[in-house]
């Protein structure tokens, strides 16, 4: 297998399967905060900046 054909094979893989994998991962990570069990963690994270700090 020559260097040129290795490059072409990797390029084909990146253009097809790797792109689909990255799109799927992005969709999963984008929808992760909206899952049913995440509302308490999201609410805690939203109010965390308003909690008092005792590190003066």
Protein backbone atom coordinates (compact mmCIF):
# COMPACT_ATOMS: atom_id res chain seq x y z
CA UNK A 1 0.00 0.00 0.00
CA UNK A 2 1.57 3.23 -1.07
CA UNK A 3 1.54 6.48 0.86
CA UNK A 4 -0.88 8.02 -1.63
CA UNK A 5 -3.44 5.21 -1.30
CA UNK A 6 -3.17 5.33 2.52
CA UNK A 7 -3.90 9.03 2.38
CA UNK A 8 -6.88 8.45 0.10
CA UNK A 9 -8.27 5.72 2.39
CA UNK A 10 -7.93 7.91 5.48
CA UNK A 11 -9.44 10.86 3.65
CA UNK A 12 -12.42 8.75 2.57
CA UNK A 13 -12.89 7.52 6.15
CA UNK A 14 -12.74 11.08 7.53
CA UNK A 15 -15.19 12.35 4.92
CA UNK A 16 -17.78 9.66 5.63
CA UNK A 17 -17.73 7.68 8.88
CA UNK A 18 -15.77 10.11 11.02
CA UNK A 19 -18.06 12.96 9.99
CA UNK A 20 -21.13 10.92 10.91
CA UNK A 21 -19.56 9.96 14.26
CA UNK A 22 -18.73 13.58 15.08
CA UNK A 23 -22.25 14.69 14.11
CA UNK A 24 -23.76 11.99 16.31
CA UNK A 25 -21.51 12.92 19.24
CA UNK A 26 -22.42 16.59 18.83
CA UNK A 27 -26.13 15.75 18.83
CA UNK A 28 -25.75 13.61 21.94
CA UNK A 29 -23.81 16.28 23.82
CA UNK A 30 -26.17 19.05 22.71
CA UNK A 31 -29.22 17.15 23.95
CA UNK A 32 -27.60 15.83 27.18
CA UNK A 33 -28.71 18.78 29.40
CA UNK A 34 -32.32 18.33 28.28
CA UNK A 35 -32.70 14.74 29.50
CA UNK A 36 -35.45 14.19 32.11
CA UNK A 37 -33.14 13.53 35.09
CA UNK A 38 -30.93 16.57 34.60
CA UNK A 39 -33.30 19.29 35.78
CA UNK A 40 -32.05 19.31 39.40
CA UNK A 41 -28.39 19.48 38.34
CA UNK A 42 -29.14 22.23 35.82
CA UNK A 43 -31.03 24.24 38.42
CA UNK A 44 -28.21 23.85 40.94
CA UNK A 45 -25.66 24.98 38.33
CA UNK A 46 -27.78 28.00 37.44
CA UNK A 47 -28.06 29.14 41.08
CA UNK A 48 -24.48 28.33 42.08
CA UNK A 49 -23.14 31.78 41.20
CA UNK A 50 -25.59 33.42 43.60
CA UNK A 51 -24.56 31.38 46.65
CA UNK A 52 -22.54 33.29 49.23
CA UNK A 53 -18.80 32.82 49.29
CA UNK A 54 -17.03 32.45 52.63
CA UNK A 55 -13.51 32.75 51.19
CA UNK A 56 -13.02 36.46 51.89
